[in-house]
Amino acid sequence: MNKSWNIVFLAGLFEIGWVVGLKHSYNVGTWLLTALAIYFSMHLLIIASRNLPVGTAYAVFTGMGTTGTVILGFTVFGEPFSLAKTVLIAILLTGVIGLKMITSEEEGERAS
């Protein structure tokens, strides 16, 4: 994995954090952490998009955020398991992984 994709992965982790924070923040401190997670997720995505195609980077970023949020909902927050959600997430991941596999870093490089 190259550096830019690692940055997208990190941005996706921050996205999961702020999405969970939107639902579970209860005081100024937790809202501040949520706001910081929003900032870092977007900032890191912008940095990664300098070297990657923005559409592919964004698709991977949002797919990762969606998948992570649903998995956390099932495993940590006690949301009921849904086979339909699981199948749809698998379809989403198939598309995101496919985009990642067919996209080279050179496609996103900007002319200097």
PDB file of N, CA and C in Angstrom:
ATOM      1  N   MET A   1       0.843  -1.185   0.000  1.00  0.00           N
ATOM      2  CA  MET A   1       0.000   0.000   0.000  1.00  0.00           C
ATOM      3  C   MET A   1       0.884   1.242   0.000  1.00  0.00           C
ATOM      4  N   ASN A   2       0.540   2.195  -0.818  1.00  0.00           N
ATOM      5  CA  ASN A   2       1.371   3.391  -0.837  1.00  0.00           C
ATOM      6  C   ASN A   2       0.866   4.422   0.170  1.00  0.00           C
ATOM      7  N   LYS A   3       1.626   5.461   0.321  1.00  0.00           N
ATOM      8  CA  LYS A   3       1.360   6.482   1.338  1.00  0.00           C
ATOM      9  C   LYS A   3      -0.015   7.129   1.186  1.00  0.00           C
ATOM     10  N   SER A   4      -0.394   7.461  -0.033  1.00  0.00           N
ATOM     11  CA  SER A   4      -1.681   8.137  -0.241  1.00  0.00           C
ATOM     12  C   SER A   4      -2.857   7.257   0.162  1.00  0.00           C
ATOM     13  N   TRP A   5      -2.791   5.965  -0.140  1.00  0.00           N
ATOM     14  CA  TRP A   5      -3.879   5.074   0.270  1.00  0.00           C
ATOM     15  C   TRP A   5      -3.892   4.888   1.788  1.00  0.00           C
ATOM     16  N   ASN A   6      -2.733   4.898   2.414  1.00  0.00           N
ATOM     17  CA  ASN A   6      -2.695   4.843   3.881  1.00  0.00           C
ATOM     18  C   ASN A   6      -3.370   6.067   4.485  1.00  0.00           C
ATOM     19  N   ILE A   7      -3.190   7.218   3.856  1.00  0.00           N
ATOM     20  CA  ILE A   7      -3.824   8.448   4.341  1.00  0.00           C
ATOM     21  C   ILE A   7      -5.340   8.356   4.174  1.00  0.00           C
ATOM     22  N   VAL A   8      -5.808   7.786   3.061  1.00  0.00           N
ATOM     23  CA  VAL A   8      -7.259   7.589   2.867  1.00  0.00           C
ATOM     24  C   VAL A   8      -7.790   6.664   3.957  1.00  0.00           C
ATOM     25  N   PHE A   9      -7.045   5.604   4.253  1.00  0.00           N
ATOM     26  CA  PHE A   9      -7.460   4.671   5.313  1.00  0.00           C
ATOM     27  C   PHE A   9      -7.584   5.396   6.653  1.00  0.00           C
ATOM     28  N   LEU A  10      -6.608   6.208   6.992  1.00  0.00           N
ATOM     29  CA  LEU A  10      -6.652   6.970   8.238  1.00  0.00           C
ATOM     30  C   LEU A  10      -7.824   7.957   8.244  1.00  0.00           C
ATOM     31  N   ALA A  11      -8.048   8.606   7.108  1.00  0.00           N
ATOM     32  CA  ALA A  11      -9.191   9.521   6.995  1.00  0.00           C
ATOM     33  C   ALA A  11     -10.501   8.770   7.220  1.00  0.00           C
ATOM     34  N   GLY A  12     -10.582   7.550   6.704  1.00  0.00           N
ATOM     35  CA  GLY A  12     -11.781   6.730   6.901  1.00  0.00           C
ATOM     36  C   GLY A  12     -12.007   6.377   8.359  1.00  0.00           C
ATOM     37  N   LEU A  13     -10.932   6.132   9.089  1.00  0.00           N
ATOM     38  CA  LEU A  13     -11.071   5.859  10.529  1.00  0.00           C
ATOM     39  C   LEU A  13     -11.610   7.079  11.262  1.00  0.00           C
ATOM     40  N   PHE A  14     -11.106   8.261  10.897  1.00  0.00           N
ATOM     41  CA  PHE A  14     -11.635   9.481  11.506  1.00  0.00           C
ATOM     42  C   PHE A  14     -13.100   9.693  11.121  1.00  0.00           C
ATOM     43  N   GLU A  15     -13.465   9.310   9.899  1.00  0.00           N
ATOM     44  CA  GLU A  15     -14.867   9.440   9.495  1.00  0.00           C
ATOM     45  C   GLU A  15     -15.761   8.566  10.366  1.00  0.00           C
ATOM     46  N   ILE A  16     -15.345   7.342  10.605  1.00  0.00           N
ATOM     47  CA  ILE A  16     -16.116   6.462  11.483  1.00  0.00           C
ATOM     48  C   ILE A  16     -16.268   7.116  12.850  1.00  0.00           C
ATOM     49  N   GLY A  17     -15.173   7.708  13.345  1.00  0.00           N
ATOM     50  CA  GLY A  17     -15.211   8.370  14.650  1.00  0.00           C
ATOM     51  C   GLY A  17     -16.201   9.513  14.711  1.00  0.00           C
ATOM     52  N   TRP A  18     -16.235  10.362  13.680  1.00  0.00           N
ATOM     53  CA  TRP A  18     -17.150  11.502  13.770  1.00  0.00           C
ATOM     54  C   TRP A  18     -18.592  11.101  13.535  1.00  0.00           C
ATOM     55  N   VAL A  19     -18.823  10.068  12.722  1.00  0.00           N
ATOM     56  CA  VAL A  19     -20.208   9.619  12.528  1.00  0.00           C
ATOM     57  C   VAL A  19     -20.750   9.050  13.834  1.00  0.00           C
ATOM     58  N   VAL A  20     -19.957   8.253  14.511  1.00  0.00           N
ATOM     59  CA  VAL A  20     -20.367   7.722  15.814  1.00  0.00           C
ATOM     60  C   VAL A  20     -20.523   8.873  16.814  1.00  0.00           C
ATOM     61  N   GLY A  21     -19.610   9.836  16.746  1.00  0.00           N
ATOM     62  CA  GLY A  21     -19.678  10.987  17.647  1.00  0.00           C
ATOM     63  C   GLY A  21     -20.932  11.807  17.475  1.00  0.00           C
ATOM     64  N   LEU A  22     -21.444  11.911  16.259  1.00  0.00           N
ATOM     65  CA  LEU A  22     -22.678  12.677  16.044  1.00  0.00           C
ATOM     66  C   LEU A  22     -23.843  12.100  16.849  1.00  0.00           C
ATOM     67  N   LYS A  23     -23.877  10.793  16.972  1.00  0.00           N
ATOM     68  CA  LYS A  23     -24.977  10.163  17.703  1.00  0.00           C
ATOM     69  C   LYS A  23     -24.724  10.092  19.206  1.00  0.00           C
ATOM     70  N   HIS A  24     -23.476   9.935  19.593  1.00  0.00           N
ATOM     71  CA  HIS A  24     -23.187   9.622  20.996  1.00  0.00           C
ATOM     72  C   HIS A  24     -22.532  10.756  21.783  1.00  0.00           C
ATOM     73  N   SER A  25     -22.357  11.921  21.193  1.00  0.00           N
ATOM     74  CA  SER A  25     -21.782  13.037  21.951  1.00  0.00           C
ATOM     75  C   SER A  25     -22.815  13.551  22.945  1.00  0.00           C
ATOM     76  N   TYR A  26     -22.335  13.881  24.150  1.00  0.00           N
ATOM     77  CA  TYR A  26     -23.266  14.284  25.199  1.00  0.00           C
ATOM     78  C   TYR A  26     -22.798  15.510  25.977  1.00  0.00           C
ATOM     79  N   ASN A  27     -21.577  15.978  25.734  1.00  0.00           N
ATOM     80  CA  ASN A  27     -21.115  17.191  26.425  1.00  0.00           C
ATOM     81  C   ASN A  27     -20.142  17.943  25.517  1.00  0.00           C
ATOM     82  N   VAL A  28     -19.626  19.047  25.997  1.00  0.00           N
ATOM     83  CA  VAL A  28     -18.746  19.880  25.178  1.00  0.00           C
ATOM     84  C   VAL A  28     -17.504  19.108  24.738  1.00  0.00           C
ATOM     85  N   GLY A  29     -16.940  18.319  25.615  1.00  0.00           N
ATOM     86  CA  GLY A  29     -15.725  17.569  25.283  1.00  0.00           C
ATOM     87  C   GLY A  29     -15.946  16.563  24.165  1.00  0.00           C
ATOM     88  N   THR A  30     -17.031  15.816  24.250  1.00  0.00           N
ATOM     89  CA  THR A  30     -17.285  14.820  23.200  1.00  0.00           C
ATOM     90  C   THR A  30     -17.670  15.492  21.884  1.00  0.00           C
ATOM     91  N   TRP A  31     -18.355  16.630  21.956  1.00  0.00           N
ATOM     92  CA  TRP A  31     -18.652  17.371  20.727  1.00  0.00           C
ATOM     93  C   TRP A  31     -17.375  17.947  20.118  1.00  0.00           C
ATOM     94  N   LEU A  32     -16.449  18.358  20.952  1.00  0.00           N
ATOM     95  CA  LEU A  32     -15.174  18.863  20.458  1.00  0.00           C
ATOM     96  C   LEU A  32     -14.383  17.747  19.764  1.00  0.00           C
ATOM     97  N   LEU A  33     -14.375  16.562  20.357  1.00  0.00           N
ATOM     98  CA  LEU A  33     -13.711  15.422  19.714  1.00  0.00           C
ATOM     99  C   LEU A  33     -14.362  15.082  18.371  1.00  0.00           C
ATOM    100  N   THR A  34     -15.671  15.174  18.316  1.00  0.00           N
ATOM    101  CA  THR A  34     -16.382  14.925  17.064  1.00  0.00           C
ATOM    102  C   THR A  34     -15.982  15.954  16.005  1.00  0.00           C
ATOM    103  N   ALA A  35     -15.918  17.208  16.393  1.00  0.00           N
ATOM    104  CA  ALA A  35     -15.524  18.264  15.462  1.00  0.00           C
ATOM    105  C   ALA A  35     -14.084  18.065  14.976  1.00  0.00           C
ATOM    106  N   LEU A  36     -13.196  17.660  15.863  1.00  0.00           N
ATOM    107  CA  LEU A  36     -11.813  17.390  15.471  1.00  0.00           C
ATOM    108  C   LEU A  36     -11.740  16.205  14.497  1.00  0.00           C
ATOM    109  N   ALA A  37     -12.551  15.194  14.738  1.00  0.00           N
ATOM    110  CA  ALA A  37     -12.579  14.040  13.840  1.00  0.00           C
ATOM    111  C   ALA A  37     -13.076  14.451  12.456  1.00  0.00           C
ATOM    112  N   ILE A  38     -14.079  15.343  12.399  1.00  0.00           N
ATOM    113  CA  ILE A  38     -14.555  15.846  11.112  1.00  0.00           C
ATOM    114  C   ILE A  38     -13.424  16.573  10.394  1.00  0.00           C
ATOM    115  N   TYR A  39     -12.752  17.451  11.113  1.00  0.00           N
ATOM    116  CA  TYR A  39     -11.657  18.204  10.512  1.00  0.00           C
ATOM    117  C   TYR A  39     -10.576  17.272   9.966  1.00  0.00           C
ATOM    118  N   PHE A  40     -10.106  16.336  10.805  1.00  0.00           N
ATOM    119  CA  PHE A  40      -9.015  15.461  10.382  1.00  0.00           C
ATOM    120  C   PHE A  40      -9.426  14.543   9.234  1.00  0.00           C
ATOM    121  N   SER A  41     -10.664  14.053   9.246  1.00  0.00           N
ATOM    122  CA  SER A  41     -11.084  13.175   8.150  1.00  0.00           C
ATOM    123  C   SER A  41     -11.072  13.930   6.824  1.00  0.00           C
ATOM    124  N   MET A  42     -11.602  15.134   6.803  1.00  0.00           N
ATOM    125  CA  MET A  42     -11.632  15.909   5.558  1.00  0.00           C
ATOM    126  C   MET A  42     -10.233  16.379   5.147  1.00  0.00           C
ATOM    127  N   HIS A  43      -9.458  16.807   6.108  1.00  0.00           N
ATOM    128  CA  HIS A  43      -8.105  17.281   5.815  1.00  0.00           C
ATOM    129  C   HIS A  43      -7.247  16.166   5.227  1.00  0.00           C
ATOM    130  N   LEU A  44      -7.320  15.004   5.828  1.00  0.00           N
ATOM    131  CA  LEU A  44      -6.543  13.873   5.326  1.00  0.00           C
ATOM    132  C   LEU A  44      -7.018  13.441   3.942  1.00  0.00           C
ATOM    133  N   LEU A  45      -8.330  13.489   3.711  1.00  0.00           N
ATOM    134  CA  LEU A  45      -8.852  13.145   2.391  1.00  0.00           C
ATOM    135  C   LEU A  45      -8.337  14.125   1.337  1.00  0.00           C
ATOM    136  N   ILE A  46      -8.291  15.396   1.664  1.00  0.00           N
ATOM    137  CA  ILE A  46      -7.761  16.406   0.739  1.00  0.00           C
ATOM    138  C   ILE A  46      -6.295  16.139   0.429  1.00  0.00           C
ATOM    139  N   ILE A  47      -5.520  15.815   1.453  1.00  0.00           N
ATOM    140  CA  ILE A  47      -4.094  15.514   1.253  1.00  0.00           C
ATOM    141  C   ILE A  47      -3.933  14.306   0.328  1.00  0.00           C
ATOM    142  N   ALA A  48      -4.696  13.246   0.586  1.00  0.00           N
ATOM    143  CA  ALA A  48      -4.583  12.033  -0.232  1.00  0.00           C
ATOM    144  C   ALA A  48      -5.030  12.296  -1.669  1.00  0.00           C
ATOM    145  N   SER A  49      -6.004  13.164  -1.843  1.00  0.00           N
ATOM    146  CA  SER A  49      -6.537  13.440  -3.185  1.00  0.00           C
ATOM    147  C   SER A  49      -5.563  14.203  -4.066  1.00  0.00           C
ATOM    148  N   ARG A  50      -4.513  14.718  -3.487  1.00  0.00           N
ATOM    149  CA  ARG A  50      -3.483  15.377  -4.299  1.00  0.00           C
ATOM    150  C   ARG A  50      -2.764  14.375  -5.193  1.00  0.00           C
ATOM    151  N   ASN A  51      -2.710  13.122  -4.764  1.00  0.00           N
ATOM    152  CA  ASN A  51      -1.981  12.094  -5.515  1.00  0.00           C
ATOM    153  C   ASN A  51      -2.867  10.969  -6.034  1.00  0.00           C
ATOM    154  N   LEU A  52      -4.145  11.009  -5.725  1.00  0.00           N
ATOM    155  CA  LEU A  52      -5.064   9.958  -6.146  1.00  0.00           C
ATOM    156  C   LEU A  52      -6.233  10.586  -6.897  1.00  0.00           C
ATOM    157  N   PRO A  53      -6.896   9.828  -7.748  1.00  0.00           N
ATOM    158  CA  PRO A  53      -8.108  10.343  -8.368  1.00  0.00           C
ATOM    159  C   PRO A  53      -9.152  10.624  -7.286  1.00  0.00           C
ATOM    160  N   VAL A  54      -9.685  11.823  -7.293  1.00  0.00           N
ATOM    161  CA  VAL A  54     -10.563  12.240  -6.198  1.00  0.00           C
ATOM    162  C   VAL A  54     -11.815  11.364  -6.099  1.00  0.00           C
ATOM    163  N   GLY A  55     -12.365  10.954  -7.226  1.00  0.00           N
ATOM    164  CA  GLY A  55     -13.568  10.122  -7.191  1.00  0.00           C
ATOM    165  C   GLY A  55     -13.320   8.778  -6.531  1.00  0.00           C
ATOM    166  N   THR A  56     -12.221   8.155  -6.873  1.00  0.00           N
ATOM    167  CA  THR A  56     -11.882   6.858  -6.292  1.00  0.00           C
ATOM    168  C   THR A  56     -11.536   7.005  -4.816  1.00  0.00           C
ATOM    169  N   ALA A  57     -10.757   8.012  -4.476  1.00  0.00           N
ATOM    170  CA  ALA A  57     -10.391   8.230  -3.076  1.00  0.00           C
ATOM    171  C   ALA A  57     -11.639   8.477  -2.233  1.00  0.00           C
ATOM    172  N   TYR A  58     -12.557   9.284  -2.758  1.00  0.00           N
ATOM    173  CA  TYR A  58     -13.781   9.583  -2.010  1.00  0.00           C
ATOM    174  C   TYR A  58     -14.665   8.337  -1.867  1.00  0.00           C
ATOM    175  N   ALA A  59     -14.744   7.527  -2.929  1.00  0.00           N
ATOM    176  CA  ALA A  59     -15.539   6.299  -2.853  1.00  0.00           C
ATOM    177  C   ALA A  59     -14.980   5.347  -1.805  1.00  0.00           C
ATOM    178  N   VAL A  60     -13.666   5.189  -1.765  1.00  0.00           N
ATOM    179  CA  VAL A  60     -13.037   4.328  -0.759  1.00  0.00           C
ATOM    180  C   VAL A  60     -13.268   4.896   0.638  1.00  0.00           C
ATOM    181  N   PHE A  61     -13.103   6.194   0.783  1.00  0.00           N
ATOM    182  CA  PHE A  61     -13.291   6.893   2.058  1.00  0.00           C
ATOM    183  C   PHE A  61     -14.715   6.687   2.585  1.00  0.00           C
ATOM    184  N   THR A  62     -15.722   6.952   1.755  1.00  0.00           N
ATOM    185  CA  THR A  62     -17.103   6.820   2.220  1.00  0.00           C
ATOM    186  C   THR A  62     -17.512   5.369   2.415  1.00  0.00           C
ATOM    187  N   GLY A  63     -16.995   4.481   1.550  1.00  0.00           N
ATOM    188  CA  GLY A  63     -17.295   3.062   1.718  1.00  0.00           C
ATOM    189  C   GLY A  63     -16.739   2.521   3.020  1.00  0.00           C
ATOM    190  N   MET A  64     -15.535   2.944   3.324  1.00  0.00           N
ATOM    191  CA  MET A  64     -14.917   2.532   4.577  1.00  0.00           C
ATOM    192  C   MET A  64     -15.697   3.086   5.775  1.00  0.00           C
ATOM    193  N   GLY A  65     -16.090   4.345   5.683  1.00  0.00           N
ATOM    194  CA  GLY A  65     -16.852   4.961   6.770  1.00  0.00           C
ATOM    195  C   GLY A  65     -18.193   4.285   6.981  1.00  0.00           C
ATOM    196  N   THR A  66     -18.882   3.995   5.891  1.00  0.00           N
ATOM    197  CA  THR A  66     -20.187   3.324   5.986  1.00  0.00           C
ATOM    198  C   THR A  66     -20.042   1.940   6.589  1.00  0.00           C
ATOM    199  N   THR A  67     -19.099   1.188   6.073  1.00  0.00           N
ATOM    200  CA  THR A  67     -18.890  -0.172   6.564  1.00  0.00           C
ATOM    201  C   THR A  67     -18.499  -0.180   8.038  1.00  0.00           C
ATOM    202  N   GLY A  68     -17.555   0.660   8.390  1.00  0.00           N
ATOM    203  CA  GLY A  68     -17.112   0.718   9.785  1.00  0.00           C
ATOM    204  C   GLY A  68     -18.215   1.140  10.737  1.00  0.00           C
ATOM    205  N   THR A  69     -19.026   2.100  10.314  1.00  0.00           N
ATOM    206  CA  THR A  69     -20.121   2.566  11.163  1.00  0.00           C
ATOM    207  C   THR A  69     -21.162   1.469  11.369  1.00  0.00           C
ATOM    208  N   VAL A  70     -21.509   0.750  10.308  1.00  0.00           N
ATOM    209  CA  VAL A  70     -22.486  -0.338  10.429  1.00  0.00           C
ATOM    210  C   VAL A  70     -21.942  -1.459  11.307  1.00  0.00           C
ATOM    211  N   ILE A  71     -20.673  -1.821  11.112  1.00  0.00           N
ATOM    212  CA  ILE A  71     -20.076  -2.887  11.934  1.00  0.00           C
ATOM    213  C   ILE A  71     -20.033  -2.476  13.401  1.00  0.00           C
ATOM    214  N   LEU A  72     -19.655  -1.226  13.679  1.00  0.00           N
ATOM    215  CA  LEU A  72     -19.662  -0.756  15.071  1.00  0.00           C
ATOM    216  C   LEU A  72     -21.067  -0.770  15.655  1.00  0.00           C
ATOM    217  N   GLY A  73     -22.033  -0.401  14.835  1.00  0.00           N
ATOM    218  CA  GLY A  73     -23.421  -0.429  15.302  1.00  0.00           C
ATOM    219  C   GLY A  73     -23.838  -1.820  15.739  1.00  0.00           C
ATOM    220  N   PHE A  74     -23.477  -2.829  14.932  1.00  0.00           N
ATOM    221  CA  PHE A  74     -23.809  -4.219  15.269  1.00  0.00           C
ATOM    222  C   PHE A  74     -23.052  -4.698  16.492  1.00  0.00           C
ATOM    223  N   THR A  75     -21.747  -4.432  16.535  1.00  0.00           N
ATOM    224  CA  THR A  75     -20.892  -5.061  17.542  1.00  0.00           C
ATOM    225  C   THR A  75     -20.777  -4.295  18.854  1.00  0.00           C
ATOM    226  N   VAL A  76     -20.772  -2.971  18.790  1.00  0.00           N
ATOM    227  CA  VAL A  76     -20.511  -2.178  19.991  1.00  0.00           C
ATOM    228  C   VAL A  76     -21.788  -1.551  20.554  1.00  0.00           C
ATOM    229  N   PHE A  77     -22.655  -1.065  19.668  1.00  0.00           N
ATOM    230  CA  PHE A  77     -23.801  -0.284  20.136  1.00  0.00           C
ATOM    231  C   PHE A  77     -25.103  -1.066  20.174  1.00  0.00           C
ATOM    232  N   GLY A  78     -25.044  -2.376  19.950  1.00  0.00           N
ATOM    233  CA  GLY A  78     -26.203  -3.235  20.140  1.00  0.00           C
ATOM    234  C   GLY A  78     -27.326  -3.058  19.137  1.00  0.00           C
ATOM    235  N   GLU A  79     -27.031  -2.507  17.973  1.00  0.00           N
ATOM    236  CA  GLU A  79     -28.075  -2.410  16.958  1.00  0.00           C
ATOM    237  C   GLU A  79     -28.392  -3.811  16.449  1.00  0.00           C
ATOM    238  N   PRO A  80     -29.640  -4.057  16.093  1.00  0.00           N
ATOM    239  CA  PRO A  80     -29.994  -5.411  15.644  1.00  0.00           C
ATOM    240  C   PRO A  80     -29.290  -5.771  14.341  1.00  0.00           C
ATOM    241  N   PHE A  81     -28.825  -7.015  14.275  1.00  0.00           N
ATOM    242  CA  PHE A  81     -28.162  -7.510  13.076  1.00  0.00           C
ATOM    243  C   PHE A  81     -29.179  -7.628  11.960  1.00  0.00           C
ATOM    244  N   SER A  82     -28.787  -7.231  10.760  1.00  0.00           N
ATOM    245  CA  SER A  82     -29.677  -7.311   9.615  1.00  0.00           C
ATOM    246  C   SER A  82     -28.925  -7.959   8.463  1.00  0.00           C
ATOM    247  N   LEU A  83     -29.467  -9.060   7.979  1.00  0.00           N
ATOM    248  CA  LEU A  83     -28.844  -9.747   6.856  1.00  0.00           C
ATOM    249  C   LEU A  83     -28.851  -8.844   5.618  1.00  0.00           C
ATOM    250  N   ALA A  84     -29.934  -8.112   5.425  1.00  0.00           N
ATOM    251  CA  ALA A  84     -30.024  -7.211   4.270  1.00  0.00           C
ATOM    252  C   ALA A  84     -28.918  -6.153   4.316  1.00  0.00           C
ATOM    253  N   LYS A  85     -28.688  -5.548   5.491  1.00  0.00           N
ATOM    254  CA  LYS A  85     -27.608  -4.562   5.628  1.00  0.00           C
ATOM    255  C   LYS A  85     -26.257  -5.195   5.323  1.00  0.00           C
ATOM    256  N   THR A  86     -26.055  -6.400   5.821  1.00  0.00           N
ATOM    257  CA  THR A  86     -24.785  -7.088   5.623  1.00  0.00           C
ATOM    258  C   THR A  86     -24.541  -7.373   4.144  1.00  0.00           C
ATOM    259  N   VAL A  87     -25.564  -7.823   3.442  1.00  0.00           N
ATOM    260  CA  VAL A  87     -25.430  -8.104   2.011  1.00  0.00           C
ATOM    261  C   VAL A  87     -25.150  -6.811   1.246  1.00  0.00           C
ATOM    262  N   LEU A  88     -25.862  -5.744   1.571  1.00  0.00           N
ATOM    263  CA  LEU A  88     -25.652  -4.470   0.883  1.00  0.00           C
ATOM    264  C   LEU A  88     -24.264  -3.898   1.160  1.00  0.00           C
ATOM    265  N   ILE A  89     -23.780  -4.043   2.386  1.00  0.00           N
ATOM    266  CA  ILE A  89     -22.416  -3.603   2.705  1.00  0.00           C
ATOM    267  C   ILE A  89     -21.406  -4.425   1.906  1.00  0.00           C
ATOM    268  N   ALA A  90     -21.645  -5.711   1.762  1.00  0.00           N
ATOM    269  CA  ALA A  90     -20.730  -6.562   0.972  1.00  0.00           C
ATOM    270  C   ALA A  90     -20.702  -6.106  -0.488  1.00  0.00           C
ATOM    271  N   ILE A  91     -21.864  -5.750  -1.023  1.00  0.00           N
ATOM    272  CA  ILE A  91     -21.920  -5.246  -2.402  1.00  0.00           C
ATOM    273  C   ILE A  91     -21.149  -3.931  -2.502  1.00  0.00           C
ATOM    274  N   LEU A  92     -21.366  -3.049  -1.525  1.00  0.00           N
ATOM    275  CA  LEU A  92     -20.644  -1.764  -1.505  1.00  0.00           C
ATOM    276  C   LEU A  92     -19.134  -1.992  -1.457  1.00  0.00           C
ATOM    277  N   LEU A  93     -18.695  -2.868  -0.574  1.00  0.00           N
ATOM    278  CA  LEU A  93     -17.265  -3.150  -0.454  1.00  0.00           C
ATOM    279  C   LEU A  93     -16.690  -3.751  -1.730  1.00  0.00           C
ATOM    280  N   THR A  94     -17.450  -4.588  -2.396  1.00  0.00           N
ATOM    281  CA  THR A  94     -16.994  -5.164  -3.664  1.00  0.00           C
ATOM    282  C   THR A  94     -16.721  -4.058  -4.682  1.00  0.00           C
ATOM    283  N   GLY A  95     -17.624  -3.090  -4.765  1.00  0.00           N
ATOM    284  CA  GLY A  95     -17.426  -1.976  -5.683  1.00  0.00           C
ATOM    285  C   GLY A  95     -16.242  -1.113  -5.308  1.00  0.00           C
ATOM    286  N   VAL A  96     -16.102  -0.818  -4.025  1.00  0.00           N
ATOM    287  CA  VAL A  96     -14.999   0.032  -3.563  1.00  0.00           C
ATOM    288  C   VAL A  96     -13.660  -0.664  -3.778  1.00  0.00           C
ATOM    289  N   ILE A  97     -13.582  -1.936  -3.448  1.00  0.00           N
ATOM    290  CA  ILE A  97     -12.344  -2.683  -3.652  1.00  0.00           C
ATOM    291  C   ILE A  97     -12.021  -2.765  -5.141  1.00  0.00           C
ATOM    292  N   GLY A  98     -13.040  -2.968  -5.958  1.00  0.00           N
ATOM    293  CA  GLY A  98     -12.828  -2.992  -7.401  1.00  0.00           C
ATOM    294  C   GLY A  98     -12.277  -1.680  -7.918  1.00  0.00           C
ATOM    295  N   LEU A  99     -12.840  -0.551  -7.469  1.00  0.00           N
ATOM    296  CA  LEU A  99     -12.325   0.757  -7.871  1.00  0.00           C
ATOM    297  C   LEU A  99     -10.870   0.919  -7.463  1.00  0.00           C
ATOM    298  N   LYS A 100     -10.559   0.529  -6.244  1.00  0.00           N
ATOM    299  CA  LYS A 100      -9.189   0.658  -5.744  1.00  0.00           C
ATOM    300  C   LYS A 100      -8.229  -0.180  -6.578  1.00  0.00           C
ATOM    301  N   MET A 101      -8.666  -1.375  -6.961  1.00  0.00           N
ATOM    302  CA  MET A 101      -7.787  -2.279  -7.686  1.00  0.00           C
ATOM    303  C   MET A 101      -7.502  -1.805  -9.112  1.00  0.00           C
ATOM    304  N   ILE A 102      -8.453  -1.140  -9.748  1.00  0.00           N
ATOM    305  CA  ILE A 102      -8.238  -0.734 -11.133  1.00  0.00           C
ATOM    306  C   ILE A 102      -7.679   0.674 -11.267  1.00  0.00           C
ATOM    307  N   THR A 103      -7.496   1.373 -10.144  1.00  0.00           N
ATOM    308  CA  THR A 103      -7.003   2.741 -10.182  1.00  0.00           C
ATOM    309  C   THR A 103      -5.531   2.766  -9.804  1.00  0.00           C
ATOM    310  N   SER A 104      -4.737   3.397 -10.636  1.00  0.00           N
ATOM    311  CA  SER A 104      -3.328   3.558 -10.309  1.00  0.00           C
ATOM    312  C   SER A 104      -3.101   4.949  -9.750  1.00  0.00           C
ATOM    313  N   GLU A 105      -2.065   5.105  -8.975  1.00  0.00           N
ATOM    314  CA  GLU A 105      -1.756   6.402  -8.380  1.00  0.00           C
ATOM    315  C   GLU A 105      -1.459   7.440  -9.454  1.00  0.00           C
ATOM    316  N   GLU A 106      -0.908   7.003 -10.583  1.00  0.00           N
ATOM    317  CA  GLU A 106      -0.545   7.933 -11.642  1.00  0.00           C
ATOM    318  C   GLU A 106      -1.766   8.642 -12.218  1.00  0.00           C
ATOM    319  N   GLU A 107      -2.946   8.008 -12.185  1.00  0.00           N
ATOM    320  CA  GLU A 107      -4.152   8.624 -12.721  1.00  0.00           C
ATOM    321  C   GLU A 107      -4.506   9.909 -11.983  1.00  0.00           C
ATOM    322  N   GLY A 108      -4.120   9.987 -10.725  1.00  0.00           N
ATOM    323  CA  GLY A 108      -4.505  11.140  -9.935  1.00  0.00           C
ATOM    324  C   GLY A 108      -3.440  12.222  -9.847  1.00  0.00           C
ATOM    325  N   GLU A 109      -2.260  11.962 -10.341  1.00  0.00           N
ATOM    326  CA  GLU A 109      -1.200  12.948 -10.230  1.00  0.00           C
ATOM    327  C   GLU A 109      -1.507  14.165 -11.082  1.00  0.00           C
ATOM    328  N   ARG A 110      -1.236  15.321 -10.537  1.00  0.00           N
ATOM    329  CA  ARG A 110      -1.455  16.567 -11.256  1.00  0.00           C
ATOM    330  C   ARG A 110      -0.169  16.980 -11.944  1.00  0.00           C
ATOM    331  N   ALA A 111      -0.323  17.625 -13.056  1.00  0.00           N
ATOM    332  CA  ALA A 111       0.853  18.106 -13.776  1.00  0.00           C
ATOM    333  C   ALA A 111       1.552  19.186 -12.954  1.00  0.00           C
ATOM    334  N   SER A 112       2.850  19.103 -12.903  1.00  0.00           N
ATOM    335  CA  SER A 112       3.611  20.074 -12.116  1.00  0.00           C
ATOM    336  C   SER A 112       3.927  21.306 -12.921  1.00  0.00           C
TER     337      SER A 112
END
